[in-house]
Amino acid sequence: MNTDECQEKVVWVWGANDRHQLGIEDEEEVRVPHQLEGPFLKDGCTPKEVVAGNGFSAVVTEEGVVYSWGSGEFGRLGYCDTRRQTHPRQISDLRPNKILKVALGSYHACAISDQGAVFTWGRGNSGQLGRGNVMNEDSVRQVSALQDEKIIDVACGEAHTCVLTESGEVYTWGAGQAGQLGHGDYLRQSLPIKVANIP
């Protein structure tokens, strides 16, 4: 992203585009930076952050609006549609929340709002959506198990999710076969569990 204060903020993309993860039509690969023509510019929004997952991408704007595009497999784009999306499209189910950050895993996504709420969508086969099941979700839903916590940061691995609370606590959930959840075991967890051994 170009952050030159003398210029309007724009998004630049390049690399593989086999699933339209660059938001460009009719191009398999882009070898040099290409300016993305996103609807966020027409909507009067200013791009703040760009995130990339496995075959899909997203932009968070200064106004707290989220756009996604690329592969829609498992519902990872967040708008009740599993088809491939060639161009950026607003995730309307996140409105009227003001979103501060989005993290993308391989096939799932997580967003946090300015009020500290957590929202997930996409593949759920390892419990990475934090909803108490292993179902895929093509629609955005709040993680109700964390509704009493104010979340200030989020990260996604391939099939697990990690969040940080305002009070400094860490919660993880999803695939645990390599100990990535930090709970001292290798179990899958479908609900957020606090990581105990962090001072």
C-alpha atoms as a PDB file:
ATOM      1  CA  MET A   1       0.000   0.000   0.000  1.00  0.00           C
ATOM      2  CA  ASN A   2       1.270   3.459  -0.866  1.00  0.00           C
ATOM      3  CA  THR A   3       1.317   5.588   2.290  1.00  0.00           C
ATOM      4  CA  ASP A   4       2.906   8.728   0.849  1.00  0.00           C
ATOM      5  CA  GLU A   5       1.209  11.644   2.626  1.00  0.00           C
ATOM      6  CA  CYS A   6       1.285  13.685  -0.571  1.00  0.00           C
ATOM      7  CA  GLN A   7      -0.768  11.125  -2.446  1.00  0.00           C
ATOM      8  CA  GLU A   8      -4.106   9.415  -2.013  1.00  0.00           C
ATOM      9  CA  LYS A   9      -3.716   5.993  -0.380  1.00  0.00           C
ATOM     10  CA  VAL A  10      -4.014   3.240  -2.945  1.00  0.00           C
ATOM     11  CA  VAL A  11      -3.585  -0.540  -2.965  1.00  0.00           C
ATOM     12  CA  TRP A  12      -0.926  -2.252  -5.079  1.00  0.00           C
ATOM     13  CA  VAL A  13      -1.022  -5.983  -5.825  1.00  0.00           C
ATOM     14  CA  TRP A  14       1.210  -8.519  -7.548  1.00  0.00           C
ATOM     15  CA  GLY A  15       1.965 -12.272  -7.652  1.00  0.00           C
ATOM     16  CA  ALA A  16      -0.231 -15.304  -8.278  1.00  0.00           C
ATOM     17  CA  ASN A  17      -3.798 -14.575  -9.327  1.00  0.00           C
ATOM     18  CA  ASP A  18      -5.092 -18.063 -10.148  1.00  0.00           C
ATOM     19  CA  ARG A  19      -8.081 -17.589  -7.803  1.00  0.00           C
ATOM     20  CA  HIS A  20      -8.458 -13.840  -8.439  1.00  0.00           C
ATOM     21  CA  GLN A  21      -6.817 -13.107  -5.090  1.00  0.00           C
ATOM     22  CA  LEU A  22      -5.319  -9.947  -6.590  1.00  0.00           C
ATOM     23  CA  GLY A  23      -8.718  -8.592  -7.596  1.00  0.00           C
ATOM     24  CA  ILE A  24      -7.763  -8.488 -11.262  1.00  0.00           C
ATOM     25  CA  GLU A  25      -9.757 -10.207 -13.984  1.00  0.00           C
ATOM     26  CA  ASP A  26      -8.228 -12.319 -16.770  1.00  0.00           C
ATOM     27  CA  GLU A  27      -4.699 -12.452 -15.337  1.00  0.00           C
ATOM     28  CA  GLU A  28      -3.080 -15.654 -14.036  1.00  0.00           C
ATOM     29  CA  GLU A  29       0.003 -13.903 -12.700  1.00  0.00           C
ATOM     30  CA  VAL A  30       1.104 -10.320 -12.155  1.00  0.00           C
ATOM     31  CA  ARG A  31       4.871  -9.795 -12.079  1.00  0.00           C
ATOM     32  CA  VAL A  32       4.999  -6.078 -11.356  1.00  0.00           C
ATOM     33  CA  PRO A  33       2.904  -3.969  -8.942  1.00  0.00           C
ATOM     34  CA  HIS A  34      -0.565  -3.186 -10.288  1.00  0.00           C
ATOM     35  CA  GLN A  35      -2.891  -0.603  -8.770  1.00  0.00           C
ATOM     36  CA  LEU A  36      -6.103  -2.204  -7.542  1.00  0.00           C
ATOM     37  CA  GLU A  37      -9.303  -0.492  -8.633  1.00  0.00           C
ATOM     38  CA  GLY A  38     -11.470  -1.223  -5.629  1.00  0.00           C
ATOM     39  CA  PRO A  39     -15.054  -0.177  -4.888  1.00  0.00           C
ATOM     40  CA  PHE A  40     -13.808   1.269  -1.592  1.00  0.00           C
ATOM     41  CA  LEU A  41     -12.501   4.233  -3.575  1.00  0.00           C
ATOM     42  CA  LYS A  42     -15.921   4.799  -5.166  1.00  0.00           C
ATOM     43  CA  ASP A  43     -17.541   4.413  -1.738  1.00  0.00           C
ATOM     44  CA  GLY A  44     -15.343   7.206  -0.410  1.00  0.00           C
ATOM     45  CA  CYS A  45     -13.379   4.880   1.879  1.00  0.00           C
ATOM     46  CA  THR A  46      -9.643   5.059   2.509  1.00  0.00           C
ATOM     47  CA  PRO A  47      -7.671   1.774   2.534  1.00  0.00           C
ATOM     48  CA  LYS A  48      -5.860   1.253   5.843  1.00  0.00           C
ATOM     49  CA  GLU A  49      -4.678  -2.365   5.841  1.00  0.00           C
ATOM     50  CA  VAL A  50      -4.373  -5.153   3.290  1.00  0.00           C
ATOM     51  CA  VAL A  51      -4.300  -8.809   4.388  1.00  0.00           C
ATOM     52  CA  ALA A  52      -3.717 -11.952   2.324  1.00  0.00           C
ATOM     53  CA  GLY A  53      -4.801 -15.539   2.943  1.00  0.00           C
ATOM     54  CA  ASN A  54      -4.573 -18.693   0.868  1.00  0.00           C
ATOM     55  CA  GLY A  55      -6.128 -17.605  -2.421  1.00  0.00           C
ATOM     56  CA  PHE A  56      -8.125 -14.699  -0.993  1.00  0.00           C
ATOM     57  CA  SER A  57      -7.497 -11.162   0.216  1.00  0.00           C
ATOM     58  CA  ALA A  58      -9.130  -8.369   2.177  1.00  0.00           C
ATOM     59  CA  VAL A  59      -8.867  -4.639   2.788  1.00  0.00           C
ATOM     60  CA  VAL A  60      -9.839  -2.824   5.982  1.00  0.00           C
ATOM     61  CA  THR A  61     -10.571   0.876   5.494  1.00  0.00           C
ATOM     62  CA  GLU A  62     -10.071   3.824   7.842  1.00  0.00           C
ATOM     63  CA  GLU A  63     -13.854   3.950   8.130  1.00  0.00           C
ATOM     64  CA  GLY A  64     -13.983   0.372   9.478  1.00  0.00           C
ATOM     65  CA  VAL A  65     -15.425  -1.211   6.341  1.00  0.00           C
ATOM     66  CA  VAL A  66     -14.081  -4.555   5.064  1.00  0.00           C
ATOM     67  CA  TYR A  67     -13.855  -5.728   1.450  1.00  0.00           C
ATOM     68  CA  SER A  68     -12.796  -9.224   0.367  1.00  0.00           C
ATOM     69  CA  TRP A  69     -12.152 -11.047  -2.884  1.00  0.00           C
ATOM     70  CA  GLY A  70     -10.630 -14.210  -4.388  1.00  0.00           C
ATOM     71  CA  SER A  71     -11.605 -17.809  -3.675  1.00  0.00           C
ATOM     72  CA  GLY A  72     -14.948 -18.199  -1.921  1.00  0.00           C
ATOM     73  CA  GLU A  73     -14.447 -21.878  -1.076  1.00  0.00           C
ATOM     74  CA  PHE A  74     -15.831 -22.767   2.396  1.00  0.00           C
ATOM     75  CA  GLY A  75     -17.407 -19.293   2.602  1.00  0.00           C
ATOM     76  CA  ARG A  76     -14.122 -17.597   3.439  1.00  0.00           C
ATOM     77  CA  LEU A  77     -15.123 -14.308   1.754  1.00  0.00           C
ATOM     78  CA  GLY A  78     -17.896 -13.713   4.291  1.00  0.00           C
ATOM     79  CA  TYR A  79     -20.893 -12.923   2.124  1.00  0.00           C
ATOM     80  CA  CYS A  80     -23.026 -16.063   1.983  1.00  0.00           C
ATOM     81  CA  ASP A  81     -21.526 -17.111  -1.329  1.00  0.00           C
ATOM     82  CA  THR A  82     -18.879 -19.739  -2.016  1.00  0.00           C
ATOM     83  CA  ARG A  83     -18.184 -18.638  -5.568  1.00  0.00           C
ATOM     84  CA  ARG A  84     -14.965 -16.971  -6.632  1.00  0.00           C
ATOM     85  CA  GLN A  85     -15.101 -13.180  -6.427  1.00  0.00           C
ATOM     86  CA  THR A  86     -13.067 -11.393  -9.098  1.00  0.00           C
ATOM     87  CA  HIS A  87     -13.202  -7.905  -7.595  1.00  0.00           C
ATOM     88  CA  PRO A  88     -13.293  -6.520  -4.031  1.00  0.00           C
ATOM     89  CA  ARG A  89     -16.757  -6.655  -2.506  1.00  0.00           C
ATOM     90  CA  GLN A  90     -17.929  -5.242   0.809  1.00  0.00           C
ATOM     91  CA  ILE A  91     -18.720  -7.722   3.611  1.00  0.00           C
ATOM     92  CA  SER A  92     -22.053  -6.175   4.453  1.00  0.00           C
ATOM     93  CA  ASP A  93     -22.758  -8.498   7.397  1.00  0.00           C
ATOM     94  CA  LEU A  94     -20.010  -6.712   9.347  1.00  0.00           C
ATOM     95  CA  ARG A  95     -21.917  -3.419   9.213  1.00  0.00           C
ATOM     96  CA  PRO A  96     -22.778  -1.413  11.279  1.00  0.00           C
ATOM     97  CA  ASN A  97     -19.698  -2.476  13.267  1.00  0.00           C
ATOM     98  CA  LYS A  98     -16.532  -0.447  12.776  1.00  0.00           C
ATOM     99  CA  ILE A  99     -13.838  -3.045  12.093  1.00  0.00           C
ATOM    100  CA  LEU A 100     -10.290  -2.335  13.263  1.00  0.00           C
ATOM    101  CA  LYS A 101      -8.490  -5.440  12.039  1.00  0.00           C
ATOM    102  CA  VAL A 102      -8.982  -8.577   9.961  1.00  0.00           C
ATOM    103  CA  ALA A 103      -6.825 -11.718  10.007  1.00  0.00           C
ATOM    104  CA  LEU A 104      -6.953 -14.452   7.368  1.00  0.00           C
ATOM    105  CA  GLY A 105      -6.072 -18.117   7.805  1.00  0.00           C
ATOM    106  CA  SER A 106      -5.876 -20.594   4.970  1.00  0.00           C
ATOM    107  CA  TYR A 107      -9.637 -20.959   4.653  1.00  0.00           C
ATOM    108  CA  HIS A 108     -11.141 -18.850   7.456  1.00  0.00           C
ATOM    109  CA  ALA A 109     -11.169 -15.259   8.636  1.00  0.00           C
ATOM    110  CA  CYS A 110     -11.583 -13.297  11.836  1.00  0.00           C
ATOM    111  CA  ALA A 111     -12.340  -9.615  12.463  1.00  0.00           C
ATOM    112  CA  ILE A 112     -12.404  -7.412  15.560  1.00  0.00           C
ATOM    113  CA  SER A 113     -14.473  -4.275  16.030  1.00  0.00           C
ATOM    114  CA  ASP A 114     -13.751  -1.028  17.824  1.00  0.00           C
ATOM    115  CA  GLN A 115     -15.966  -2.327  20.645  1.00  0.00           C
ATOM    116  CA  GLY A 116     -13.796  -5.429  21.059  1.00  0.00           C
ATOM    117  CA  ALA A 117     -16.227  -7.895  19.490  1.00  0.00           C
ATOM    118  CA  VAL A 118     -14.883 -10.875  17.509  1.00  0.00           C
ATOM    119  CA  PHE A 119     -16.419 -12.152  14.260  1.00  0.00           C
ATOM    120  CA  THR A 120     -15.471 -15.270  12.275  1.00  0.00           C
ATOM    121  CA  TRP A 121     -16.432 -16.982   9.028  1.00  0.00           C
ATOM    122  CA  GLY A 122     -15.200 -19.609   6.554  1.00  0.00           C
ATOM    123  CA  ARG A 123     -13.970 -23.155   7.108  1.00  0.00           C
ATOM    124  CA  GLY A 124     -14.627 -24.597  10.550  1.00  0.00           C
ATOM    125  CA  ASN A 125     -13.433 -28.208  10.274  1.00  0.00           C
ATOM    126  CA  SER A 126     -10.909 -27.768  13.099  1.00  0.00           C
ATOM    127  CA  GLY A 127     -13.077 -25.540  15.269  1.00  0.00           C
ATOM    128  CA  GLN A 128     -11.170 -22.441  14.102  1.00  0.00           C
ATOM    129  CA  LEU A 129     -14.363 -20.326  14.039  1.00  0.00           C
ATOM    130  CA  GLY A 130     -14.767 -20.639  17.807  1.00  0.00           C
ATOM    131  CA  ARG A 131     -18.480 -21.476  17.691  1.00  0.00           C
ATOM    132  CA  GLY A 132     -18.419 -24.815  19.515  1.00  0.00           C
ATOM    133  CA  ASN A 133     -18.701 -26.925  16.370  1.00  0.00           C
ATOM    134  CA  VAL A 134     -16.719 -27.935  13.273  1.00  0.00           C
ATOM    135  CA  MET A 135     -19.126 -26.560  10.672  1.00  0.00           C
ATOM    136  CA  ASN A 136     -18.237 -24.260   7.786  1.00  0.00           C
ATOM    137  CA  GLU A 137     -19.921 -20.843   7.837  1.00  0.00           C
ATOM    138  CA  ASP A 138     -20.298 -18.633   4.771  1.00  0.00           C
ATOM    139  CA  SER A 139     -21.874 -15.880   6.856  1.00  0.00           C
ATOM    140  CA  VAL A 140     -20.288 -13.626   9.459  1.00  0.00           C
ATOM    141  CA  ARG A 141     -21.156 -14.347  13.089  1.00  0.00           C
ATOM    142  CA  GLN A 142     -19.913 -13.023  16.408  1.00  0.00           C
ATOM    143  CA  VAL A 143     -17.954 -15.393  18.650  1.00  0.00           C
ATOM    144  CA  SER A 144     -20.398 -15.390  21.550  1.00  0.00           C
ATOM    145  CA  ALA A 145     -17.984 -17.116  23.951  1.00  0.00           C
ATOM    146  CA  LEU A 146     -15.908 -13.909  23.972  1.00  0.00           C
ATOM    147  CA  GLN A 147     -18.734 -11.398  24.272  1.00  0.00           C
ATOM    148  CA  ASP A 148     -17.681 -10.450  27.811  1.00  0.00           C
ATOM    149  CA  GLU A 149     -14.091  -9.727  26.729  1.00  0.00           C
ATOM    150  CA  LYS A 150     -12.755  -6.711  24.863  1.00  0.00           C
ATOM    151  CA  ILE A 151     -10.475  -8.035  22.130  1.00  0.00           C
ATOM    152  CA  ILE A 152      -7.774  -5.717  20.804  1.00  0.00           C
ATOM    153  CA  ASP A 153      -5.768  -7.938  18.438  1.00  0.00           C
ATOM    154  CA  VAL A 154      -6.194 -11.106  16.376  1.00  0.00           C
ATOM    155  CA  ALA A 155      -4.075 -13.525  14.346  1.00  0.00           C
ATOM    156  CA  CYS A 156      -4.985 -16.596  12.301  1.00  0.00           C
ATOM    157  CA  GLY A 157      -2.850 -19.624  11.520  1.00  0.00           C
ATOM    158  CA  GLU A 158      -3.672 -22.211   8.901  1.00  0.00           C
ATOM    159  CA  ALA A 159      -6.572 -23.609  10.933  1.00  0.00           C
ATOM    160  CA  HIS A 160      -6.425 -21.918  14.337  1.00  0.00           C
ATOM    161  CA  THR A 161      -7.153 -18.487  15.773  1.00  0.00           C
ATOM    162  CA  CYS A 162      -5.567 -16.406  18.517  1.00  0.00           C
ATOM    163  CA  VAL A 163      -6.822 -13.198  20.151  1.00  0.00           C
ATOM    164  CA  LEU A 164      -5.493 -10.754  22.724  1.00  0.00           C
ATOM    165  CA  THR A 165      -7.738  -9.052  25.272  1.00  0.00           C
ATOM    166  CA  GLU A 166      -7.461  -5.524  26.595  1.00  0.00           C
ATOM    167  CA  SER A 167      -6.338  -6.944  29.946  1.00  0.00           C
ATOM    168  CA  GLY A 168      -3.476  -8.876  28.313  1.00  0.00           C
ATOM    169  CA  GLU A 169      -5.007 -12.353  28.245  1.00  0.00           C
ATOM    170  CA  VAL A 170      -4.621 -14.639  25.226  1.00  0.00           C
ATOM    171  CA  TYR A 171      -7.308 -17.004  23.952  1.00  0.00           C
ATOM    172  CA  THR A 172      -6.772 -19.642  21.259  1.00  0.00           C
ATOM    173  CA  TRP A 173      -8.899 -22.218  19.462  1.00  0.00           C
ATOM    174  CA  GLY A 174      -8.904 -24.469  16.395  1.00  0.00           C
ATOM    175  CA  ALA A 175      -6.380 -27.101  15.286  1.00  0.00           C
ATOM    176  CA  GLY A 176      -3.944 -28.170  17.996  1.00  0.00           C
ATOM    177  CA  GLN A 177      -2.077 -31.122  16.507  1.00  0.00           C
ATOM    178  CA  ALA A 178       1.303 -29.380  16.811  1.00  0.00           C
ATOM    179  CA  GLY A 179       0.668 -27.750  20.184  1.00  0.00           C
ATOM    180  CA  GLN A 180      -0.069 -24.410  18.491  1.00  0.00           C
ATOM    181  CA  LEU A 181      -2.881 -23.545  20.914  1.00  0.00           C
ATOM    182  CA  GLY A 182      -0.553 -23.398  23.907  1.00  0.00           C
ATOM    183  CA  HIS A 183      -2.717 -25.504  26.226  1.00  0.00           C
ATOM    184  CA  GLY A 184      -0.141 -28.236  26.878  1.00  0.00           C
ATOM    185  CA  ASP A 185      -1.810 -30.795  24.638  1.00  0.00           C
ATOM    186  CA  TYR A 186      -2.479 -31.603  20.982  1.00  0.00           C
ATOM    187  CA  LEU A 187      -6.257 -31.380  21.084  1.00  0.00           C
ATOM    188  CA  ARG A 188      -8.560 -29.522  18.735  1.00  0.00           C
ATOM    189  CA  GLN A 189     -10.652 -26.855  20.445  1.00  0.00           C
ATOM    190  CA  SER A 190     -13.855 -25.444  18.989  1.00  0.00           C
ATOM    191  CA  LEU A 191     -14.329 -22.770  21.671  1.00  0.00           C
ATOM    192  CA  PRO A 192     -11.880 -20.065  22.836  1.00  0.00           C
ATOM    193  CA  ILE A 193      -9.735 -21.187  25.782  1.00  0.00           C
ATOM    194  CA  LYS A 194      -7.450 -18.898  27.749  1.00  0.00           C
ATOM    195  CA  VAL A 195      -3.748 -19.716  27.492  1.00  0.00           C
ATOM    196  CA  ALA A 196      -2.832 -20.288  31.133  1.00  0.00           C
ATOM    197  CA  ASN A 197       0.967 -20.153  31.204  1.00  0.00           C
ATOM    198  CA  ILE A 198       1.439 -16.544  30.159  1.00  0.00           C
ATOM    199  CA  PRO A 199       2.480 -14.297  33.100  1.00  0.00           C
END
